[in-house]
mmCIF file of all heavy atoms, coordinates in Angstrom:
data_MODEL
# 
_entry.id   MODEL 
# 
loop_
_atom_site.group_PDB 
_atom_site.id 
_atom_site.type_symbol 
_atom_site.label_atom_id 
_atom_site.label_alt_id 
_atom_site.label_comp_id 
_atom_site.label_asym_id 
_atom_site.label_entity_id 
_atom_site.label_seq_id 
_atom_site.pdbx_PDB_ins_code 
_atom_site.Cartn_x 
_atom_site.Cartn_y 
_atom_site.Cartn_z 
_atom_site.occupancy 
_atom_site.B_iso_or_equiv 
_atom_site.pdbx_formal_charge 
_atom_site.auth_seq_id 
_atom_site.auth_comp_id 
_atom_site.auth_asym_id 
_atom_site.auth_atom_id 
_atom_site.pdbx_PDB_model_num 
ATOM 1   N N   . VAL A 1 1  ? -87.643  -34.185 -225.695 1.00 0.00 ? 1  VAL A N   1 
ATOM 2   C CA  . VAL A 1 1  ? -87.062  -35.047 -224.653 1.00 0.00 ? 1  VAL A CA  1 
ATOM 3   C C   . VAL A 1 1  ? -88.164  -35.610 -223.760 1.00 0.00 ? 1  VAL A C   1 
ATOM 4   O O   . VAL A 1 1  ? -88.142  -36.795 -223.381 1.00 0.00 ? 1  VAL A O   1 
ATOM 5   C CB  . VAL A 1 1  ? -86.024  -34.267 -223.830 1.00 0.00 ? 1  VAL A CB  1 
ATOM 6   C CG1 . VAL A 1 1  ? -85.614  -35.061 -222.593 1.00 0.00 ? 1  VAL A CG1 1 
ATOM 7   C CG2 . VAL A 1 1  ? -84.799  -33.950 -224.674 1.00 0.00 ? 1  VAL A CG2 1 
ATOM 8   N N   . ARG A 1 2  ? -89.123  -34.766 -223.406 1.00 0.00 ? 2  ARG A N   1 
ATOM 9   C CA  . ARG A 1 2  ? -90.239  -35.236 -222.569 1.00 0.00 ? 2  ARG A CA  1 
ATOM 10  C C   . ARG A 1 2  ? -91.021  -36.345 -223.280 1.00 0.00 ? 2  ARG A C   1 
ATOM 11  O O   . ARG A 1 2  ? -91.398  -37.345 -222.655 1.00 0.00 ? 2  ARG A O   1 
ATOM 12  C CB  . ARG A 1 2  ? -91.158  -34.065 -222.246 1.00 0.00 ? 2  ARG A CB  1 
ATOM 13  C CG  . ARG A 1 2  ? -92.365  -34.452 -221.398 1.00 0.00 ? 2  ARG A CG  1 
ATOM 14  C CD  . ARG A 1 2  ? -93.234  -33.246 -221.100 1.00 0.00 ? 2  ARG A CD  1 
ATOM 15  N NE  . ARG A 1 2  ? -93.690  -32.585 -222.303 1.00 0.00 ? 2  ARG A NE  1 
ATOM 16  C CZ  . ARG A 1 2  ? -94.709  -33.026 -223.061 1.00 0.00 ? 2  ARG A CZ  1 
ATOM 17  N NH1 . ARG A 1 2  ? -95.358  -34.142 -222.721 1.00 0.00 ? 2  ARG A NH1 1 
ATOM 18  N NH2 . ARG A 1 2  ? -95.077  -32.374 -224.141 1.00 0.00 ? 2  ARG A NH2 1 
ATOM 19  N N   . LEU A 1 3  ? -91.243  -36.176 -224.578 1.00 0.00 ? 3  LEU A N   1 
ATOM 20  C CA  . LEU A 1 3  ? -91.969  -37.194 -225.330 1.00 0.00 ? 3  LEU A CA  1 
ATOM 21  C C   . LEU A 1 3  ? -91.164  -38.492 -225.423 1.00 0.00 ? 3  LEU A C   1 
ATOM 22  O O   . LEU A 1 3  ? -91.725  -39.597 -225.350 1.00 0.00 ? 3  LEU A O   1 
ATOM 23  C CB  . LEU A 1 3  ? -92.288  -36.677 -226.734 1.00 0.00 ? 3  LEU A CB  1 
ATOM 24  C CG  . LEU A 1 3  ? -93.386  -35.606 -226.806 1.00 0.00 ? 3  LEU A CG  1 
ATOM 25  C CD1 . LEU A 1 3  ? -93.423  -34.959 -228.186 1.00 0.00 ? 3  LEU A CD1 1 
ATOM 26  C CD2 . LEU A 1 3  ? -94.746  -36.212 -226.481 1.00 0.00 ? 3  LEU A CD2 1 
ATOM 27  N N   . GLU A 1 4  ? -89.865  -38.374 -225.580 1.00 0.00 ? 4  GLU A N   1 
ATOM 28  C CA  . GLU A 1 4  ? -89.015  -39.570 -225.626 1.00 0.00 ? 4  GLU A CA  1 
ATOM 29  C C   . GLU A 1 4  ? -89.009  -40.296 -224.278 1.00 0.00 ? 4  GLU A C   1 
ATOM 30  O O   . GLU A 1 4  ? -89.017  -41.535 -224.221 1.00 0.00 ? 4  GLU A O   1 
ATOM 31  C CB  . GLU A 1 4  ? -87.602  -39.181 -226.033 1.00 0.00 ? 4  GLU A CB  1 
ATOM 32  C CG  . GLU A 1 4  ? -87.491  -38.808 -227.507 1.00 0.00 ? 4  GLU A CG  1 
ATOM 33  C CD  . GLU A 1 4  ? -86.123  -38.265 -227.872 1.00 0.00 ? 4  GLU A CD  1 
ATOM 34  O OE1 . GLU A 1 4  ? -85.386  -37.833 -226.964 1.00 0.00 ? 4  GLU A OE1 1 
ATOM 35  O OE2 . GLU A 1 4  ? -85.794  -38.248 -229.072 1.00 0.00 ? 4  GLU A OE2 1 
ATOM 36  N N   . GLN A 1 5  ? -88.991  -39.538 -223.201 1.00 0.00 ? 5  GLN A N   1 
ATOM 37  C CA  . GLN A 1 5  ? -89.058  -40.147 -221.873 1.00 0.00 ? 5  GLN A CA  1 
ATOM 38  C C   . GLN A 1 5  ? -90.396  -40.845 -221.673 1.00 0.00 ? 5  GLN A C   1 
ATOM 39  O O   . GLN A 1 5  ? -90.463  -41.932 -221.087 1.00 0.00 ? 5  GLN A O   1 
ATOM 40  C CB  . GLN A 1 5  ? -88.845  -39.081 -220.802 1.00 0.00 ? 5  GLN A CB  1 
ATOM 41  C CG  . GLN A 1 5  ? -87.429  -38.528 -220.755 1.00 0.00 ? 5  GLN A CG  1 
ATOM 42  C CD  . GLN A 1 5  ? -87.294  -37.355 -219.803 1.00 0.00 ? 5  GLN A CD  1 
ATOM 43  O OE1 . GLN A 1 5  ? -88.291  -36.727 -219.413 1.00 0.00 ? 5  GLN A OE1 1 
ATOM 44  N NE2 . GLN A 1 5  ? -86.064  -37.044 -219.422 1.00 0.00 ? 5  GLN A NE2 1 
ATOM 45  N N   . GLN A 1 6  ? -91.450  -40.214 -222.162 1.00 0.00 ? 6  GLN A N   1 
ATOM 46  C CA  . GLN A 1 6  ? -92.773  -40.819 -222.072 1.00 0.00 ? 6  GLN A CA  1 
ATOM 47  C C   . GLN A 1 6  ? -92.822  -42.116 -222.877 1.00 0.00 ? 6  GLN A C   1 
ATOM 48  O O   . GLN A 1 6  ? -93.414  -43.119 -222.436 1.00 0.00 ? 6  GLN A O   1 
ATOM 49  C CB  . GLN A 1 6  ? -93.829  -39.843 -222.599 1.00 0.00 ? 6  GLN A CB  1 
ATOM 50  C CG  . GLN A 1 6  ? -95.253  -40.380 -222.573 1.00 0.00 ? 6  GLN A CG  1 
ATOM 51  C CD  . GLN A 1 6  ? -96.253  -39.369 -223.111 1.00 0.00 ? 6  GLN A CD  1 
ATOM 52  O OE1 . GLN A 1 6  ? -95.988  -38.162 -223.132 1.00 0.00 ? 6  GLN A OE1 1 
ATOM 53  N NE2 . GLN A 1 6  ? -97.392  -39.846 -223.559 1.00 0.00 ? 6  GLN A NE2 1 
ATOM 54  N N   . ALA A 1 7  ? -92.189  -42.124 -224.054 1.00 0.00 ? 7  ALA A N   1 
ATOM 55  C CA  . ALA A 1 7  ? -92.149  -43.337 -224.878 1.00 0.00 ? 7  ALA A CA  1 
ATOM 56  C C   . ALA A 1 7  ? -91.410  -44.460 -224.159 1.00 0.00 ? 7  ALA A C   1 
ATOM 57  O O   . ALA A 1 7  ? -91.858  -45.619 -224.150 1.00 0.00 ? 7  ALA A O   1 
ATOM 58  C CB  . ALA A 1 7  ? -91.470  -43.025 -226.211 1.00 0.00 ? 7  ALA A CB  1 
ATOM 59  N N   . ALA A 1 8  ? -90.271  -44.125 -223.553 1.00 0.00 ? 8  ALA A N   1 
ATOM 60  C CA  . ALA A 1 8  ? -89.494  -45.135 -222.822 1.00 0.00 ? 8  ALA A CA  1 
ATOM 61  C C   . ALA A 1 8  ? -90.288  -45.685 -221.645 1.00 0.00 ? 8  ALA A C   1 
ATOM 62  O O   . ALA A 1 8  ? -90.267  -46.895 -221.367 1.00 0.00 ? 8  ALA A O   1 
ATOM 63  C CB  . ALA A 1 8  ? -88.187  -44.526 -222.340 1.00 0.00 ? 8  ALA A CB  1 
ATOM 64  N N   . LEU A 1 9  ? -90.990  -44.794 -220.942 1.00 0.00 ? 9  LEU A N   1 
ATOM 65  C CA  . LEU A 1 9  ? -91.801  -45.230 -219.803 1.00 0.00 ? 9  LEU A CA  1 
ATOM 66  C C   . LEU A 1 9  ? -92.939  -46.130 -220.260 1.00 0.00 ? 9  LEU A C   1 
ATOM 67  O O   . LEU A 1 9  ? -93.232  -47.156 -219.624 1.00 0.00 ? 9  LEU A O   1 
ATOM 68  C CB  . LEU A 1 9  ? -92.357  -44.007 -219.077 1.00 0.00 ? 9  LEU A CB  1 
ATOM 69  C CG  . LEU A 1 9  ? -93.260  -44.295 -217.866 1.00 0.00 ? 9  LEU A CG  1 
ATOM 70  C CD1 . LEU A 1 9  ? -92.474  -45.042 -216.793 1.00 0.00 ? 9  LEU A CD1 1 
ATOM 71  C CD2 . LEU A 1 9  ? -93.821  -42.989 -217.305 1.00 0.00 ? 9  LEU A CD2 1 
ATOM 72  N N   . THR A 1 10 ? -93.570  -45.766 -221.371 1.00 0.00 ? 10 THR A N   1 
ATOM 73  C CA  . THR A 1 10 ? -94.673  -46.577 -221.897 1.00 0.00 ? 10 THR A CA  1 
ATOM 74  C C   . THR A 1 10 ? -94.193  -47.972 -222.263 1.00 0.00 ? 10 THR A C   1 
ATOM 75  O O   . THR A 1 10 ? -94.843  -48.968 -221.939 1.00 0.00 ? 10 THR A O   1 
ATOM 76  C CB  . THR A 1 10 ? -95.283  -45.898 -223.138 1.00 0.00 ? 10 THR A CB  1 
ATOM 77  O OG1 . THR A 1 10 ? -95.785  -44.607 -222.773 1.00 0.00 ? 10 THR A OG1 1 
ATOM 78  C CG2 . THR A 1 10 ? -96.427  -46.729 -223.696 1.00 0.00 ? 10 THR A CG2 1 
ATOM 79  N N   . ARG A 1 11 ? -93.049  -48.040 -222.929 1.00 0.00 ? 11 ARG A N   1 
ATOM 80  C CA  . ARG A 1 11 ? -92.492  -49.350 -223.286 1.00 0.00 ? 11 ARG A CA  1 
ATOM 81  C C   . ARG A 1 11 ? -92.143  -50.150 -222.029 1.00 0.00 ? 11 ARG A C   1 
ATOM 82  O O   . ARG A 1 11 ? -92.394  -51.356 -221.956 1.00 0.00 ? 11 ARG A O   1 
ATOM 83  C CB  . ARG A 1 11 ? -91.240  -49.173 -224.139 1.00 0.00 ? 11 ARG A CB  1 
ATOM 84  C CG  . ARG A 1 11 ? -91.512  -48.989 -225.619 1.00 0.00 ? 11 ARG A CG  1 
ATOM 85  C CD  . ARG A 1 11 ? -90.287  -49.310 -226.463 1.00 0.00 ? 11 ARG A CD  1 
ATOM 86  N NE  . ARG A 1 11 ? -90.589  -49.148 -227.880 1.00 0.00 ? 11 ARG A NE  1 
ATOM 87  C CZ  . ARG A 1 11 ? -90.421  -48.034 -228.559 1.00 0.00 ? 11 ARG A CZ  1 
ATOM 88  N NH1 . ARG A 1 11 ? -89.949  -46.970 -227.956 1.00 0.00 ? 11 ARG A NH1 1 
ATOM 89  N NH2 . ARG A 1 11 ? -90.728  -47.969 -229.840 1.00 0.00 ? 11 ARG A NH2 1 
ATOM 90  N N   . GLY A 1 12 ? -91.535  -49.486 -221.056 1.00 0.00 ? 12 GLY A N   1 
ATOM 91  C CA  . GLY A 1 12 ? -91.143  -50.179 -219.833 1.00 0.00 ? 12 GLY A CA  1 
ATOM 92  C C   . GLY A 1 12 ? -92.339  -50.724 -219.078 1.00 0.00 ? 12 GLY A C   1 
ATOM 93  O O   . GLY A 1 12 ? -92.323  -51.877 -218.619 1.00 0.00 ? 12 GLY A O   1 
ATOM 94  N N   . VAL A 1 13 ? -93.379  -49.921 -218.948 1.00 0.00 ? 13 VAL A N   1 
ATOM 95  C CA  . VAL A 1 13 ? -94.592  -50.363 -218.247 1.00 0.00 ? 13 VAL A CA  1 
ATOM 96  C C   . VAL A 1 13 ? -95.244  -51.519 -218.995 1.00 0.00 ? 13 VAL A C   1 
ATOM 97  O O   . VAL A 1 13 ? -95.684  -52.506 -218.391 1.00 0.00 ? 13 VAL A O   1 
ATOM 98  C CB  . VAL A 1 13 ? -95.576  -49.189 -218.086 1.00 0.00 ? 13 VAL A CB  1 
ATOM 99  C CG1 . VAL A 1 13 ? -96.922  -49.684 -217.575 1.00 0.00 ? 13 VAL A CG1 1 
ATOM 100 C CG2 . VAL A 1 13 ? -95.015  -48.146 -217.125 1.00 0.00 ? 13 VAL A CG2 1 
ATOM 101 N N   . GLY A 1 14 ? -95.306  -51.388 -220.322 1.00 0.00 ? 14 GLY A N   1 
ATOM 102 C CA  . GLY A 1 14 ? -95.892  -52.465 -221.120 1.00 0.00 ? 14 GLY A CA  1 
ATOM 103 C C   . GLY A 1 14 ? -95.128  -53.762 -220.983 1.00 0.00 ? 14 GLY A C   1 
ATOM 104 O O   . GLY A 1 14 ? -95.721  -54.844 -220.840 1.00 0.00 ? 14 GLY A O   1 
ATOM 105 N N   . ALA A 1 15 ? -93.796  -53.671 -221.013 1.00 0.00 ? 15 ALA A N   1 
ATOM 106 C CA  . ALA A 1 15 ? -92.967  -54.871 -220.870 1.00 0.00 ? 15 ALA A CA  1 
ATOM 107 C C   . ALA A 1 15 ? -93.154  -55.506 -219.495 1.00 0.00 ? 15 ALA A C   1 
ATOM 108 O O   . ALA A 1 15 ? -93.238  -56.739 -219.370 1.00 0.00 ? 15 ALA A O   1 
ATOM 109 C CB  . ALA A 1 15 ? -91.496  -54.524 -221.091 1.00 0.00 ? 15 ALA A CB  1 
ATOM 110 N N   . ALA A 1 16 ? -93.241  -54.668 -218.463 1.00 0.00 ? 16 ALA A N   1 
ATOM 111 C CA  . ALA A 1 16 ? -93.432  -55.184 -217.103 1.00 0.00 ? 16 ALA A CA  1 
ATOM 112 C C   . ALA A 1 16 ? -94.797  -55.862 -216.970 1.00 0.00 ? 16 ALA A C   1 
ATOM 113 O O   . ALA A 1 16 ? -94.911  -56.953 -216.380 1.00 0.00 ? 16 ALA A O   1 
ATOM 114 C CB  . ALA A 1 16 ? -93.298  -54.050 -216.093 1.00 0.00 ? 16 ALA A CB  1 
ATOM 115 N N   . GLN A 1 17 ? -95.830  -55.231 -217.508 1.00 0.00 ? 17 GLN A N   1 
ATOM 116 C CA  . GLN A 1 17 ? -97.167  -55.822 -217.438 1.00 0.00 ? 17 GLN A CA  1 
ATOM 117 C C   . GLN A 1 17 ? -97.221  -57.148 -218.191 1.00 0.00 ? 17 GLN A C   1 
ATOM 118 O O   . GLN A 1 17 ? -97.813  -58.122 -217.714 1.00 0.00 ? 17 GLN A O   1 
ATOM 119 C CB  . GLN A 1 17 ? -98.195  -54.849 -218.021 1.00 0.00 ? 17 GLN A CB  1 
ATOM 120 C CG  . GLN A 1 17 ? -98.463  -53.627 -217.155 1.00 0.00 ? 17 GLN A CG  1 
ATOM 121 C CD  . GLN A 1 17 ? -99.439  -52.665 -217.799 1.00 0.00 ? 17 GLN A CD  1 
ATOM 122 O OE1 . GLN A 1 17 ? -99.623  -52.670 -219.029 1.00 0.00 ? 17 GLN A OE1 1 
ATOM 123 N NE2 . GLN A 1 17 ? -100.054 -51.827 -217.008 1.00 0.00 ? 17 GLN A NE2 1 
ATOM 124 N N   . ALA A 1 18 ? -96.607  -57.172 -219.374 1.00 0.00 ? 18 ALA A N   1 
ATOM 125 C CA  . ALA A 1 18 ? -96.613  -58.397 -220.171 1.00 0.00 ? 18 ALA A CA  1 
ATOM 126 C C   . ALA A 1 18 ? -95.867  -59.521 -219.456 1.00 0.00 ? 18 ALA A C   1 
ATOM 127 O O   . ALA A 1 18 ? -96.335  -60.670 -219.414 1.00 0.00 ? 18 ALA A O   1 
ATOM 128 C CB  . ALA A 1 18 ? -95.986  -58.123 -221.538 1.00 0.00 ? 18 ALA A CB  1 
ATOM 129 N N   . SER A 1 19 ? -94.717  -59.208 -218.885 1.00 0.00 ? 19 SER A N   1 
ATOM 130 C CA  . SER A 1 19 ? -93.937  -60.228 -218.172 1.00 0.00 ? 19 SER A CA  1 
ATOM 131 C C   . SER A 1 19 ? -94.694  -60.756 -216.963 1.00 0.00 ? 19 SER A C   1 
ATOM 132 O O   . SER A 1 19 ? -94.706  -61.970 -216.689 1.00 0.00 ? 19 SER A O   1 
ATOM 133 C CB  . SER A 1 19 ? -92.590  -59.645 -217.732 1.00 0.00 ? 19 SER A CB  1 
ATOM 134 O OG  . SER A 1 19 ? -91.800  -59.282 -218.847 1.00 0.00 ? 19 SER A OG  1 
ATOM 135 N N   . LEU A 1 20 ? -95.329  -59.844 -216.223 1.00 0.00 ? 20 LEU A N   1 
ATOM 136 C CA  . LEU A 1 20 ? -96.101  -60.254 -215.051 1.00 0.00 ? 20 LEU A CA  1 
ATOM 137 C C   . LEU A 1 20 ? -97.266  -61.150 -215.459 1.00 0.00 ? 20 LEU A C   1 
ATOM 138 O O   . LEU A 1 20 ? -97.555  -62.156 -214.780 1.00 0.00 ? 20 LEU A O   1 
ATOM 139 C CB  . LEU A 1 20 ? -96.620  -59.014 -214.321 1.00 0.00 ? 20 LEU A CB  1 
ATOM 140 C CG  . LEU A 1 20 ? -97.407  -59.259 -213.021 1.00 0.00 ? 20 LEU A CG  1 
ATOM 141 C CD1 . LEU A 1 20 ? -96.513  -59.956 -211.999 1.00 0.00 ? 20 LEU A CD1 1 
ATOM 142 C CD2 . LEU A 1 20 ? -97.918  -57.940 -212.454 1.00 0.00 ? 20 LEU A CD2 1 
ATOM 143 N N   . LEU A 1 21 ? -97.906  -60.803 -216.574 1.00 0.00 ? 21 LEU A N   1 
ATOM 144 C CA  . LEU A 1 21 ? -99.024  -61.612 -217.053 1.00 0.00 ? 21 LEU A CA  1 
ATOM 145 C C   . LEU A 1 21 ? -98.546  -63.003 -217.455 1.00 0.00 ? 21 LEU A C   1 
ATOM 146 O O   . LEU A 1 21 ? -99.184  -64.013 -217.128 1.00 0.00 ? 21 LEU A O   1 
ATOM 147 C CB  . LEU A 1 21 ? -99.687  -60.913 -218.237 1.00 0.00 ? 21 LEU A CB  1 
ATOM 148 C CG  . LEU A 1 21 ? -100.976 -61.527 -218.788 1.00 0.00 ? 21 LEU A CG  1 
ATOM 149 C CD1 . LEU A 1 21 ? -102.053 -61.553 -217.708 1.00 0.00 ? 21 LEU A CD1 1 
ATOM 150 C CD2 . LEU A 1 21 ? -101.459 -60.743 -219.991 1.00 0.00 ? 21 LEU A CD2 1 
ATOM 151 N N   . GLU A 1 22 ? -97.417  -63.071 -218.146 1.00 0.00 ? 22 GLU A N   1 
ATOM 152 C CA  . GLU A 1 22 ? -96.871  -64.370 -218.548 1.00 0.00 ? 22 GLU A CA  1 
ATOM 153 C C   . GLU A 1 22 ? -96.471  -65.210 -217.341 1.00 0.00 ? 22 GLU A C   1 
ATOM 154 O O   . GLU A 1 22 ? -96.716  -66.423 -217.307 1.00 0.00 ? 22 GLU A O   1 
ATOM 155 C CB  . GLU A 1 22 ? -95.668  -64.156 -219.468 1.00 0.00 ? 22 GLU A CB  1 
ATOM 156 C CG  . GLU A 1 22 ? -96.052  -63.664 -220.855 1.00 0.00 ? 22 GLU A CG  1 
ATOM 157 C CD  . GLU A 1 22 ? -94.855  -63.278 -221.700 1.00 0.00 ? 22 GLU A CD  1 
ATOM 158 O OE1 . GLU A 1 22 ? -93.791  -62.964 -221.108 1.00 0.00 ? 22 GLU A OE1 1 
ATOM 159 O OE2 . GLU A 1 22 ? -94.970  -63.278 -222.928 1.00 0.00 ? 22 GLU A OE2 1 
ATOM 160 N N   . GLU A 1 23 ? -95.866  -64.580 -216.360 1.00 0.00 ? 23 GLU A N   1 
ATOM 161 C CA  . GLU A 1 23 ? -95.462  -65.304 -215.153 1.00 0.00 ? 23 GLU A CA  1 
ATOM 162 C C   . GLU A 1 23 ? -96.677  -65.839 -214.397 1.00 0.00 ? 23 GLU A C   1 
ATOM 163 O O   . GLU A 1 23 ? -96.674  -66.983 -213.928 1.00 0.00 ? 23 GLU A O   1 
ATOM 164 C CB  . GLU A 1 23 ? -94.645  -64.386 -214.248 1.00 0.00 ? 23 GLU A CB  1 
ATOM 165 C CG  . GLU A 1 23 ? -93.252  -64.077 -214.788 1.00 0.00 ? 23 GLU A CG  1 
ATOM 166 C CD  . GLU A 1 23 ? -92.509  -63.069 -213.933 1.00 0.00 ? 23 GLU A CD  1 
ATOM 167 O OE1 . GLU A 1 23 ? -93.034  -62.715 -212.854 1.00 0.00 ? 23 GLU A OE1 1 
ATOM 168 O OE2 . GLU A 1 23 ? -91.413  -62.642 -214.326 1.00 0.00 ? 23 GLU A OE2 1 
ATOM 169 N N   . SER A 1 24 ? -97.711  -65.001 -214.263 1.00 0.00 ? 24 SER A N   1 
ATOM 170 C CA  . SER A 1 24 ? -98.909  -65.452 -213.554 1.00 0.00 ? 24 SER A CA  1 
ATOM 171 C C   . SER A 1 24 ? -99.586  -66.589 -214.301 1.00 0.00 ? 24 SER A C   1 
ATOM 172 O O   . SER A 1 24 ? -100.096 -67.537 -213.693 1.00 0.00 ? 24 SER A O   1 
ATOM 173 C CB  . SER A 1 24 ? -99.889  -64.282 -213.368 1.00 0.00 ? 24 SER A CB  1 
ATOM 174 O OG  . SER A 1 24 ? -100.377 -63.820 -214.629 1.00 0.00 ? 24 SER A OG  1 
ATOM 175 N N   . GLY A 1 25 ? -99.580  -66.526 -215.653 1.00 0.00 ? 25 GLY A N   1 
ATOM 176 C CA  . GLY A 1 25 ? -100.147 -67.608 -216.442 1.00 0.00 ? 25 GLY A CA  1 
ATOM 177 C C   . GLY A 1 25 ? -99.375  -68.904 -216.269 1.00 0.00 ? 25 GLY A C   1 
ATOM 178 O O   . GLY A 1 25 ? -99.969  -69.984 -216.149 1.00 0.00 ? 25 GLY A O   1 
ATOM 179 N N   . ALA A 1 26 ? -98.047  -68.791 -216.239 1.00 0.00 ? 26 ALA A N   1 
ATOM 180 C CA  . ALA A 1 26 ? -97.217  -69.979 -216.052 1.00 0.00 ? 26 ALA A CA  1 
ATOM 181 C C   . ALA A 1 26 ? -97.447  -70.606 -214.677 1.00 0.00 ? 26 ALA A C   1 
ATOM 182 O O   . ALA A 1 26 ? -97.532  -71.834 -214.540 1.00 0.00 ? 26 ALA A O   1 
ATOM 183 C CB  . ALA A 1 26 ? -95.744  -69.615 -216.220 1.00 0.00 ? 26 ALA A CB  1 
ATOM 184 N N   . ILE A 1 27 ? -97.580  -69.760 -213.654 1.00 0.00 ? 27 ILE A N   1 
ATOM 185 C CA  . ILE A 1 27 ? -97.822  -70.267 -212.297 1.00 0.00 ? 27 ILE A CA  1 
ATOM 186 C C   . ILE A 1 27 ? -99.179  -70.955 -212.213 1.00 0.00 ? 27 ILE A C   1 
ATOM 187 O O   . ILE A 1 27 ? -99.310  -72.051 -211.648 1.00 0.00 ? 27 ILE A O   1 
ATOM 188 C CB  . ILE A 1 27 ? -97.737  -69.117 -211.276 1.00 0.00 ? 27 ILE A CB  1 
ATOM 189 C CG1 . ILE A 1 27 ? -96.290  -68.610 -211.167 1.00 0.00 ? 27 ILE A CG1 1 
ATOM 190 C CG2 . ILE A 1 27 ? -98.241  -69.569 -209.903 1.00 0.00 ? 27 ILE A CG2 1 
ATOM 191 C CD1 . ILE A 1 27 ? -96.140  -67.361 -210.339 1.00 0.00 ? 27 ILE A CD1 1 
ATOM 192 N N   . GLU A 1 28 ? -100.199 -70.313 -212.799 1.00 0.00 ? 28 GLU A N   1 
ATOM 193 C CA  . GLU A 1 28 ? -101.537 -70.905 -212.780 1.00 0.00 ? 28 GLU A CA  1 
ATOM 194 C C   . GLU A 1 28 ? -101.548 -72.237 -213.530 1.00 0.00 ? 28 GLU A C   1 
ATOM 195 O O   . GLU A 1 28 ? -102.204 -73.198 -213.099 1.00 0.00 ? 28 GLU A O   1 
ATOM 196 C CB  . GLU A 1 28 ? -102.542 -69.941 -213.408 1.00 0.00 ? 28 GLU A CB  1 
ATOM 197 C CG  . GLU A 1 28 ? -103.988 -70.415 -213.305 1.00 0.00 ? 28 GLU A CG  1 
ATOM 198 C CD  . GLU A 1 28 ? -104.973 -69.398 -213.837 1.00 0.00 ? 28 GLU A CD  1 
ATOM 199 O OE1 . GLU A 1 28 ? -104.538 -68.284 -214.215 1.00 0.00 ? 28 GLU A OE1 1 
ATOM 200 O OE2 . GLU A 1 28 ? -106.172 -69.712 -213.892 1.00 0.00 ? 28 GLU A OE2 1 
# 
C-alpha cells in the first residue's frame, strides 16, 4: 500500500510539474 501511494504521488507530482511547465511556456 505504501508503494502504491508513493506511485500515485509520483504520478501526481509529475503531472503537476508538466502542466506548470506547459502553462509557463504558453505564457512566455
